[in-house]
Amino acid sequence: MIEILDPATDSAQIEAVLAPGSGYTLVDAWELAQSELAAIDAFPNIDGAEPGNPVTPRFAVFPWRQAVVKLPDSEQFLRLRTARNRYLIDGGEQRKWSSALVGIAGLSVGASALSVCALTGARRFRLADHDTLGFTNLNRLVGSVCDIGVAKLDIAQRRVLEADPYSEITPFHAGYTSESASGFLGTAGEPLSVLIEEMDDLAAKVDIRIRARAARIPVVMATDNGDSAILDVERYDLDASYPLFHGRADRVEALTPEQLEDQGERIRIVGGIVGTDITPRTRYSLTQVGRTLPSWPQLGTAATIAGAAAAYAARLIVCGHALSSGRYRIDIDSAVLGARAGRAQRWNELDEATFLETLAQR
């Protein structure tokens, strides 16, 4: 989507793109970058880079912005981008995270996870999503009305590349499919370091886990829960026999994609995966899908928290921290309101069968 031009080899292209009438505007960030690098170099060397190394300029061309940015080379740019991560993420962790290959399938909560991964210094991604931005997405996706109808994947790519033009992104615009599975997971090449799975399609969620487990790729999933989130971690890298969805979806591996579309099976499987230990308002909202709500209820608070949790878990895994398979709850209601107050809503009494049936019709 962008070009990175080197004055040593691409001078003619740089001159052409900056010529009067080209339509491109130059953002000259070169002097500011040099001054900030000098400030970093004034402190003891703790990031493994040698202070005083030559800093060479590059020109990043952003067609959708009609802009050209003059900035440092990749190594020095990363030093600038991660300077304030020091000690919170140590040098060894930062190098592992920046070189990791992170897969994200589904770019609703996945878009939030992608943003946090990139902000903390991850640079290499495979992204899969087939959907476009709609108006109802704007309650939880950072987007613009100018981008209505634009592929969510393109919007996500642009955000990452504008923050770090040296990021490597491989897009899968058709989303995750059985046909694209090998390329996305990297089973025939470089495998993903970690997979963040945030798709809606049940058959795809099952298929990607079966393949990830066979390839020993760890899977992270975060689910909205009112204003809070549920984090699921499946460490297939540590245990190739670990059950899909922690065993909460009994017999799911034996079902065909067609059987996964059966309403009865969906009620059983989705009910098992999501469970009933969710906020009362979430439970009530889910019973209203198809009645007074057009689709799955979600909030920007939950999408942001879920994305941050998924990105954090992915980084822990990549950096070698002891994060076990299991379900983890990030409960902002209890943290802010207290355990009892956070659960004391007026929509507590819901019919269980109606609730599970609504889940299956998602």
Protein backbone atom coordinates (compact mmCIF):
# COMPACT_ATOMS: atom_id res chain seq x y z
CA MET A 1 0.00 0.00 0.00
CA ILE A 2 2.96 2.32 0.50
CA GLU A 3 6.47 2.78 -0.86
CA ILE A 4 9.60 3.43 1.18
CA LEU A 5 12.09 5.30 -1.00
CA ASP A 6 15.83 5.48 -0.34
CA PRO A 7 17.62 8.64 -1.56
CA ALA A 8 20.67 6.54 -2.43
CA THR A 9 18.77 4.44 -4.98
CA ASP A 10 15.40 6.12 -5.59
CA SER A 11 16.30 9.77 -6.11
CA ALA A 12 14.41 10.00 -9.42
CA GLN A 13 11.20 8.64 -7.86
CA ILE A 14 11.53 10.99 -4.89
CA GLU A 15 12.03 13.95 -7.19
CA ALA A 16 9.00 12.95 -9.27
CA VAL A 17 6.64 12.46 -6.35
CA LEU A 18 7.67 15.81 -4.83
CA ALA A 19 7.55 17.73 -8.11
CA PRO A 20 5.13 20.69 -8.35
CA GLY A 21 1.78 19.47 -9.58
CA SER A 22 2.25 15.90 -8.34
CA GLY A 23 -0.48 16.42 -5.78
CA TYR A 24 1.70 15.16 -2.94
CA THR A 25 2.59 17.14 0.18
CA LEU A 26 5.92 16.69 1.96
CA VAL A 27 5.86 16.16 5.72
CA ASP A 28 9.45 16.78 6.75
CA ALA A 29 9.92 14.99 10.07
CA TRP A 30 13.67 14.59 9.61
CA GLU A 31 14.96 17.32 11.93
CA LEU A 32 12.53 16.42 14.71
CA ALA A 33 13.56 12.77 14.45
CA GLN A 34 17.24 13.67 14.70
CA SER A 35 16.68 15.83 17.78
CA GLU A 36 14.64 13.10 19.51
CA LEU A 37 17.27 10.48 18.68
CA ALA A 38 19.95 12.77 20.11
CA ALA A 39 17.94 13.03 23.33
CA ILE A 40 17.72 9.22 23.52
CA ASP A 41 21.46 8.86 22.88
CA ALA A 42 22.20 11.22 25.76
CA PHE A 43 21.12 8.48 28.16
CA PRO A 44 23.07 5.27 28.86
CA ASN A 45 22.82 2.75 26.06
CA ILE A 46 20.28 0.13 27.09
CA ASP A 47 18.59 -0.89 23.85
CA GLY A 48 21.51 -2.55 22.09
CA ALA A 49 21.91 0.12 19.40
CA GLU A 50 25.11 2.13 19.20
CA PRO A 51 24.61 5.85 19.83
CA GLY A 52 26.01 7.91 17.03
CA ASN A 53 25.30 5.31 14.32
CA PRO A 54 24.58 7.08 11.02
CA VAL A 55 20.90 7.90 10.66
CA THR A 56 19.85 7.75 7.04
CA PRO A 57 16.64 9.28 5.70
CA ARG A 58 13.82 7.53 3.90
CA PHE A 59 10.74 8.88 2.16
CA ALA A 60 7.45 7.07 2.90
CA VAL A 61 4.80 7.59 0.23
CA PHE A 62 1.16 7.34 1.38
CA PRO A 63 -1.15 7.38 -1.71
CA TRP A 64 -4.41 7.62 0.27
CA ARG A 65 -3.04 10.68 2.10
CA GLN A 66 -1.33 12.17 -0.94
CA ALA A 67 1.59 12.68 1.43
CA VAL A 68 5.32 11.92 1.52
CA VAL A 69 7.01 11.74 4.93
CA LYS A 70 10.77 12.16 5.38
CA LEU A 71 11.77 10.05 8.36
CA PRO A 72 14.63 7.84 9.68
CA ASP A 73 15.44 4.32 8.49
CA SER A 74 13.66 1.32 9.98
CA GLU A 75 16.07 0.59 12.86
CA GLN A 76 16.26 4.17 14.09
CA PHE A 77 12.54 4.69 13.61
CA LEU A 78 11.85 1.68 15.83
CA ARG A 79 14.14 3.12 18.51
CA LEU A 80 12.05 6.29 18.46
CA ARG A 81 8.73 4.45 18.44
CA THR A 82 9.61 2.25 21.41
CA ALA A 83 11.71 4.69 23.46
CA ARG A 84 8.99 5.07 26.09
CA ASN A 85 8.46 1.32 26.32
CA ARG A 86 11.80 0.95 28.11
CA TYR A 87 11.67 -1.10 31.32
CA LEU A 88 7.93 -1.71 30.83
CA ILE A 89 9.00 -3.94 27.95
CA ASP A 90 12.68 -4.83 28.23
CA GLY A 91 15.06 -4.89 25.29
CA GLY A 92 14.93 -8.64 24.71
CA GLU A 93 11.13 -8.69 24.86
CA GLN A 94 10.91 -5.75 22.49
CA ARG A 95 13.08 -7.48 19.90
CA LYS A 96 11.03 -10.68 20.13
CA TRP A 97 7.75 -8.78 19.87
CA SER A 98 8.90 -6.61 16.97
CA SER A 99 10.04 -9.64 14.96
CA ALA A 100 7.05 -11.87 15.82
CA LEU A 101 4.52 -12.77 13.13
CA VAL A 102 1.04 -12.03 14.52
CA GLY A 103 -2.09 -13.29 12.79
CA ILE A 104 -5.43 -11.57 13.36
CA ALA A 105 -8.59 -13.08 11.90
CA GLY A 106 -11.60 -10.78 12.19
CA LEU A 107 -11.23 -7.03 12.49
CA SER A 108 -13.92 -5.88 14.90
CA VAL A 109 -12.38 -6.62 18.31
CA GLY A 110 -9.43 -7.72 16.17
CA ALA A 111 -8.94 -4.14 14.99
CA SER A 112 -8.52 -3.02 18.59
CA ALA A 113 -6.08 -5.87 19.24
CA LEU A 114 -4.13 -4.93 16.11
CA SER A 115 -3.90 -1.32 17.22
CA VAL A 116 -2.48 -2.29 20.63
CA CYS A 117 -0.08 -4.81 19.11
CA ALA A 118 1.26 -2.13 16.78
CA LEU A 119 1.41 0.55 19.49
CA THR A 120 3.55 -1.71 21.67
CA GLY A 121 6.00 -2.40 18.85
CA ALA A 122 4.77 -5.43 16.90
CA ARG A 123 5.57 -4.92 13.20
CA ARG A 124 4.68 -8.08 11.30
CA PHE A 125 1.09 -9.12 10.68
CA ARG A 126 -1.19 -11.33 8.64
CA LEU A 127 -4.72 -9.91 8.64
CA ALA A 128 -7.93 -11.58 7.46
CA ASP A 129 -11.34 -9.94 7.11
CA HIS A 130 -13.85 -9.76 4.26
CA ASP A 131 -16.22 -7.09 5.62
CA THR A 132 -16.58 -3.36 4.92
CA LEU A 133 -17.17 -0.51 7.36
CA GLY A 134 -20.82 0.27 8.09
CA PHE A 135 -22.48 2.92 10.22
CA THR A 136 -23.28 0.53 13.08
CA ASN A 137 -19.59 -0.40 13.31
CA LEU A 138 -18.73 3.14 14.42
CA ASN A 139 -19.77 2.48 18.03
CA ARG A 140 -16.69 0.28 18.56
CA LEU A 141 -14.32 0.69 15.60
CA VAL A 142 -12.09 3.74 15.31
CA GLY A 143 -13.14 4.89 11.87
CA SER A 144 -14.52 7.75 9.85
CA VAL A 145 -17.71 8.41 7.94
CA CYS A 146 -15.36 9.12 5.05
CA ASP A 147 -14.52 5.40 5.08
CA ILE A 148 -18.05 3.99 4.95
CA GLY A 149 -18.02 1.08 2.52
CA VAL A 150 -14.22 0.72 2.65
CA ALA A 151 -12.82 -2.68 3.55
CA LYS A 152 -12.12 -2.96 7.28
CA LEU A 153 -8.83 -4.58 6.39
CA ASP A 154 -7.75 -1.56 4.32
CA ILE A 155 -8.67 0.81 7.15
CA ALA A 156 -6.70 -1.32 9.62
CA GLN A 157 -3.67 -1.47 7.32
CA ARG A 158 -3.66 2.29 6.87
CA ARG A 159 -3.75 2.94 10.61
CA VAL A 160 -0.82 0.61 11.26
CA LEU A 161 1.29 1.90 8.37
CA GLU A 162 0.69 5.53 9.28
CA ALA A 163 2.04 4.79 12.77
CA ASP A 164 4.94 2.63 11.52
CA PRO A 165 5.57 2.66 7.75
CA TYR A 166 8.06 -0.19 8.16
CA SER A 167 5.39 -2.62 9.33
CA GLU A 168 4.96 -5.74 7.20
CA ILE A 169 1.32 -6.61 6.54
CA THR A 170 0.03 -9.51 4.46
CA PRO A 171 -3.69 -8.99 3.79
CA PHE A 172 -6.34 -11.66 3.18
CA HIS A 173 -9.26 -9.65 1.81
CA ALA A 174 -11.52 -12.68 1.41
CA GLY A 175 -11.17 -13.34 5.12
CA TYR A 176 -10.07 -16.63 6.59
CA THR A 177 -11.20 -19.60 4.52
CA SER A 178 -10.13 -23.22 4.24
CA GLU A 179 -8.55 -22.27 0.90
CA SER A 180 -6.46 -19.48 2.43
CA ALA A 181 -5.69 -21.34 5.67
CA SER A 182 -2.23 -22.54 4.68
CA GLY A 183 -1.11 -19.09 3.57
CA PHE A 184 -2.64 -17.33 6.56
CA LEU A 185 -1.35 -19.70 9.24
CA GLY A 186 1.92 -20.27 7.38
CA THR A 187 1.78 -24.04 7.62
CA ALA A 188 3.62 -24.28 4.29
CA GLY A 189 6.07 -21.51 5.13
CA GLU A 190 6.70 -19.28 8.15
CA PRO A 191 4.08 -20.14 10.78
CA LEU A 192 2.40 -17.50 12.89
CA SER A 193 3.99 -16.79 16.25
CA VAL A 194 0.52 -16.33 17.71
CA LEU A 195 -3.04 -16.14 16.37
CA ILE A 196 -5.67 -13.69 17.61
CA GLU A 197 -9.01 -15.13 16.49
CA GLU A 198 -12.01 -12.77 16.43
CA MET A 199 -14.30 -14.15 13.72
CA ASP A 200 -18.08 -14.50 13.94
CA ASP A 201 -18.41 -17.60 11.73
CA LEU A 202 -18.59 -20.72 13.92
CA ALA A 203 -17.34 -23.13 11.25
CA ALA A 204 -14.34 -20.87 10.60
CA LYS A 205 -13.61 -20.63 14.34
CA VAL A 206 -13.52 -24.41 14.57
CA ASP A 207 -11.53 -24.93 11.36
CA ILE A 208 -8.82 -22.42 12.26
CA ARG A 209 -8.34 -23.99 15.69
CA ILE A 210 -8.00 -27.49 14.29
CA ARG A 211 -5.33 -26.28 11.88
CA ALA A 212 -3.59 -24.06 14.45
CA ARG A 213 -3.38 -26.94 16.91
CA ALA A 214 -1.88 -29.20 14.24
CA ALA A 215 0.72 -26.50 13.52
CA ARG A 216 1.37 -25.85 17.26
CA ILE A 217 0.25 -22.21 16.95
CA PRO A 218 -1.15 -20.65 20.16
CA VAL A 219 -4.59 -19.04 19.88
CA VAL A 220 -5.98 -16.05 21.76
CA MET A 221 -9.62 -14.91 21.65
CA ALA A 222 -11.30 -12.02 23.46
CA THR A 223 -15.08 -11.69 23.70
CA ASP A 224 -17.17 -8.64 24.56
CA ASN A 225 -19.11 -8.91 27.81
CA GLY A 226 -21.12 -5.74 28.39
CA ASP A 227 -18.47 -3.15 29.22
CA SER A 228 -16.00 -5.91 30.12
CA ALA A 229 -14.32 -8.80 28.33
CA ILE A 230 -13.59 -12.51 28.48
CA LEU A 231 -10.14 -13.68 27.37
CA ASP A 232 -9.56 -17.24 26.16
CA VAL A 233 -6.04 -18.63 25.71
CA GLU A 234 -5.36 -21.95 23.99
CA ARG A 235 -1.67 -22.89 24.16
CA TYR A 236 -1.46 -25.41 21.35
CA ASP A 237 2.24 -24.63 21.19
CA LEU A 238 2.65 -26.24 24.61
CA ASP A 239 0.05 -28.98 24.33
CA ALA A 240 -0.92 -30.37 20.92
CA SER A 241 -3.77 -32.33 22.53
CA TYR A 242 -5.40 -29.36 24.26
CA PRO A 243 -9.17 -29.42 23.51
CA LEU A 244 -10.71 -26.75 21.30
CA PHE A 245 -12.44 -23.99 23.30
CA HIS A 246 -11.11 -25.64 26.51
CA GLY A 247 -13.45 -28.57 25.88
CA ARG A 248 -16.49 -26.34 26.39
CA ALA A 249 -17.87 -27.31 22.94
CA ASP A 250 -18.17 -31.08 23.24
CA ARG A 251 -17.83 -33.11 20.00
CA VAL A 252 -17.30 -29.98 17.93
CA GLU A 253 -14.37 -31.45 15.99
CA ALA A 254 -16.47 -34.31 14.68
CA LEU A 255 -19.04 -32.01 13.03
CA THR A 256 -18.97 -30.95 9.39
CA PRO A 257 -19.38 -27.27 8.38
CA GLU A 258 -22.94 -28.12 7.34
CA GLN A 259 -23.69 -29.64 10.74
CA LEU A 260 -22.25 -26.55 12.43
CA GLU A 261 -24.99 -24.56 10.70
CA ASP A 262 -27.72 -26.72 12.27
CA GLN A 263 -29.65 -24.64 14.77
CA GLY A 264 -29.66 -27.29 17.45
CA GLU A 265 -25.92 -27.80 17.23
CA ARG A 266 -25.32 -24.07 17.23
CA ILE A 267 -27.39 -23.67 20.39
CA ARG A 268 -25.35 -26.37 22.10
CA ILE A 269 -21.93 -25.23 20.87
CA VAL A 270 -22.30 -21.47 21.16
CA GLY A 271 -23.96 -21.84 24.54
CA GLY A 272 -21.05 -23.97 25.71
CA ILE A 273 -18.36 -21.65 24.35
CA VAL A 274 -19.84 -18.37 25.60
CA GLY A 275 -21.34 -19.84 28.75
CA THR A 276 -23.96 -18.20 30.91
CA ASP A 277 -21.64 -16.35 33.30
CA ILE A 278 -21.98 -13.03 31.52
CA THR A 279 -23.31 -9.66 32.61
CA PRO A 280 -27.09 -9.38 33.04
CA ARG A 281 -27.30 -6.57 30.47
CA THR A 282 -25.40 -8.71 27.96
CA ARG A 283 -27.78 -11.60 28.60
CA TYR A 284 -30.82 -9.39 28.12
CA SER A 285 -29.39 -7.76 24.98
CA LEU A 286 -28.71 -11.15 23.41
CA THR A 287 -32.32 -12.21 23.87
CA GLN A 288 -33.33 -9.12 21.88
CA VAL A 289 -31.30 -9.91 18.74
CA GLY A 290 -33.80 -10.22 15.91
CA ARG A 291 -36.53 -8.71 18.07
CA THR A 292 -35.56 -5.15 19.01
CA LEU A 293 -31.87 -5.34 18.01
CA PRO A 294 -30.64 -5.95 14.44
CA SER A 295 -27.43 -7.79 15.44
CA TRP A 296 -25.00 -8.77 18.21
CA PRO A 297 -24.78 -6.02 20.85
CA GLN A 298 -21.31 -4.55 21.41
CA LEU A 299 -19.80 -1.48 23.07
CA GLY A 300 -16.66 0.50 22.38
CA THR A 301 -15.53 0.03 25.98
CA ALA A 302 -15.66 -3.76 25.71
CA ALA A 303 -14.09 -3.85 22.24
CA THR A 304 -11.22 -1.69 23.48
CA ILE A 305 -10.68 -3.71 26.67
CA ALA A 306 -10.96 -7.00 24.78
CA GLY A 307 -8.51 -5.85 22.14
CA ALA A 308 -6.00 -4.70 24.76
CA ALA A 309 -6.35 -8.00 26.64
CA ALA A 310 -5.84 -10.07 23.48
CA ALA A 311 -2.79 -8.03 22.47
CA TYR A 312 -1.33 -8.32 25.96
CA ALA A 313 -1.81 -12.08 26.02
CA ALA A 314 -0.25 -12.40 22.56
CA ARG A 315 2.81 -10.43 23.69
CA LEU A 316 3.19 -12.54 26.84
CA ILE A 317 3.17 -15.70 24.72
CA VAL A 318 5.66 -14.37 22.18
CA CYS A 319 8.01 -13.12 24.89
CA GLY A 320 8.05 -16.46 26.68
CA HIS A 321 6.06 -15.63 29.78
CA ALA A 322 4.14 -18.34 31.63
CA LEU A 323 0.57 -17.81 30.43
CA SER A 324 -1.49 -20.98 30.77
CA SER A 325 -4.38 -22.12 28.64
CA GLY A 326 -7.70 -21.12 30.14
CA ARG A 327 -10.39 -18.46 30.47
CA TYR A 328 -9.62 -15.11 32.07
CA ARG A 329 -12.13 -12.40 32.98
CA ILE A 330 -11.47 -8.68 32.76
CA ASP A 331 -14.37 -7.26 34.76
CA ILE A 332 -14.47 -3.47 34.84
CA ASP A 333 -17.93 -3.48 36.45
CA SER A 334 -16.67 -5.28 39.54
CA ALA A 335 -13.48 -3.24 39.63
CA VAL A 336 -15.31 0.09 39.55
CA LEU A 337 -18.72 -0.65 41.06
CA GLY A 338 -17.84 -3.57 43.31
CA ALA A 339 -18.70 -7.22 42.79
CA ARG A 340 -22.27 -6.99 44.03
CA ALA A 341 -23.13 -3.64 42.49
CA GLY A 342 -21.60 -4.62 39.16
CA ARG A 343 -23.96 -7.57 38.87
CA ALA A 344 -27.05 -6.00 40.42
CA GLN A 345 -28.98 -5.07 37.29
CA ARG A 346 -32.74 -5.19 36.87
CA TRP A 347 -32.48 -7.73 34.01
CA ASN A 348 -31.29 -10.66 36.06
CA GLU A 349 -34.12 -13.11 35.50
CA LEU A 350 -33.94 -14.39 31.93
CA ASP A 351 -35.27 -17.54 30.42
CA GLU A 352 -32.23 -19.81 29.85
CA ALA A 353 -33.64 -21.57 26.79
CA THR A 354 -34.49 -18.24 25.14
CA PHE A 355 -31.03 -16.94 25.92
CA LEU A 356 -29.23 -19.95 24.39
CA GLU A 357 -31.50 -19.96 21.35
CA THR A 358 -30.71 -16.30 20.72
CA LEU A 359 -26.98 -17.05 20.89
CA ALA A 360 -27.38 -19.72 18.24
CA GLN A 361 -29.11 -17.28 15.92
CA ARG A 362 -26.23 -14.77 16.03
